[in-house]
Amino acid sequence: MIRKLLREPVVHFLLIGVAIFVAYGLVAPRDRQGARIVVSQGVVDALVREHQARWQRPPAEQELAGLVEA
């Protein structure tokens, strides 16, 4: 019974998946509290240009904040 089960491709697939999951857990960085995304002025300028091209007006302060946040 066990030998027949070990020949099933689905069991191989599950075992490989568990091995990948465990390996990732061992190598992945643990501390993510210091991670942050920095939006440069160039990116903000590109967002403003894109908004102006679409809506034919510069974004309001709240709109720009929403674009940067997104």
Protein backbone atom coordinates (compact mmCIF):
# COMPACT_ATOMS: atom_id res chain seq x y z
CA MET A 1 0.00 0.00 0.00
CA ILE A 2 2.75 2.48 0.97
CA ARG A 3 4.86 1.56 -2.06
CA LYS A 4 1.91 2.13 -4.36
CA LEU A 5 1.27 5.50 -2.73
CA LEU A 6 4.93 6.52 -3.11
CA ARG A 7 4.72 5.87 -6.84
CA GLU A 8 1.96 8.44 -7.31
CA PRO A 9 3.09 11.64 -9.06
CA VAL A 10 0.83 13.73 -6.83
CA VAL A 11 2.79 12.58 -3.78
CA HIS A 12 6.04 13.57 -5.50
CA PHE A 13 4.54 16.96 -6.32
CA LEU A 14 3.47 17.52 -2.70
CA LEU A 15 6.85 16.46 -1.31
CA ILE A 16 8.70 18.80 -3.69
CA GLY A 17 6.33 21.61 -2.71
CA VAL A 18 6.97 21.04 0.98
CA ALA A 19 10.73 20.94 0.37
CA ILE A 20 10.62 24.26 -1.52
CA PHE A 21 8.50 25.83 1.22
CA VAL A 22 10.92 24.69 3.93
CA ALA A 23 13.97 25.81 1.94
CA TYR A 24 12.44 29.26 1.40
CA GLY A 25 11.70 29.52 5.11
CA LEU A 26 15.35 28.86 5.87
CA VAL A 27 16.79 31.38 3.40
CA ALA A 28 14.19 34.16 3.44
CA PRO A 29 14.99 37.27 5.47
CA ARG A 30 13.20 37.24 8.81
CA ASP A 31 13.01 40.93 9.73
CA ARG A 32 10.78 42.98 7.45
CA GLN A 33 9.97 45.83 9.83
CA GLY A 34 12.75 48.02 8.43
CA ALA A 35 11.64 47.49 4.83
CA ARG A 36 10.04 50.47 3.13
CA ILE A 37 9.38 51.73 -0.36
CA VAL A 38 10.93 55.04 -1.35
CA VAL A 39 9.18 57.01 -4.10
CA SER A 40 11.67 59.31 -5.81
CA GLN A 41 10.86 62.77 -7.15
CA GLY A 42 11.23 61.38 -10.68
CA VAL A 43 8.46 58.88 -10.04
CA VAL A 44 6.24 61.60 -8.57
CA ASP A 45 6.87 63.78 -11.64
CA ALA A 46 5.95 60.87 -13.91
CA LEU A 47 2.72 60.35 -11.96
CA VAL A 48 1.86 64.03 -12.35
CA ARG A 49 2.56 63.92 -16.12
CA GLU A 50 0.44 60.79 -16.49
CA HIS A 51 -2.43 62.38 -14.57
CA GLN A 52 -2.20 65.56 -16.65
CA ALA A 53 -2.23 63.56 -19.89
CA ARG A 54 -5.31 61.65 -18.84
CA TRP A 55 -7.37 64.37 -17.14
CA GLN A 56 -5.99 67.52 -18.84
CA ARG A 57 -5.24 69.14 -15.45
CA PRO A 58 -2.68 68.74 -12.70
CA PRO A 59 -3.67 66.48 -9.81
CA ALA A 60 -5.01 68.04 -6.63
CA GLU A 61 -2.99 67.55 -3.47
CA GLN A 62 -5.20 64.68 -2.29
CA GLU A 63 -5.13 63.03 -5.70
CA LEU A 64 -1.34 63.20 -5.84
CA ALA A 65 -1.08 61.74 -2.34
CA GLY A 66 -3.37 58.90 -3.42
CA LEU A 67 -1.30 58.25 -6.54
CA VAL A 68 1.92 58.11 -4.53
CA GLU A 69 0.34 55.89 -1.89
CA ALA A 70 -0.93 53.47 -4.54
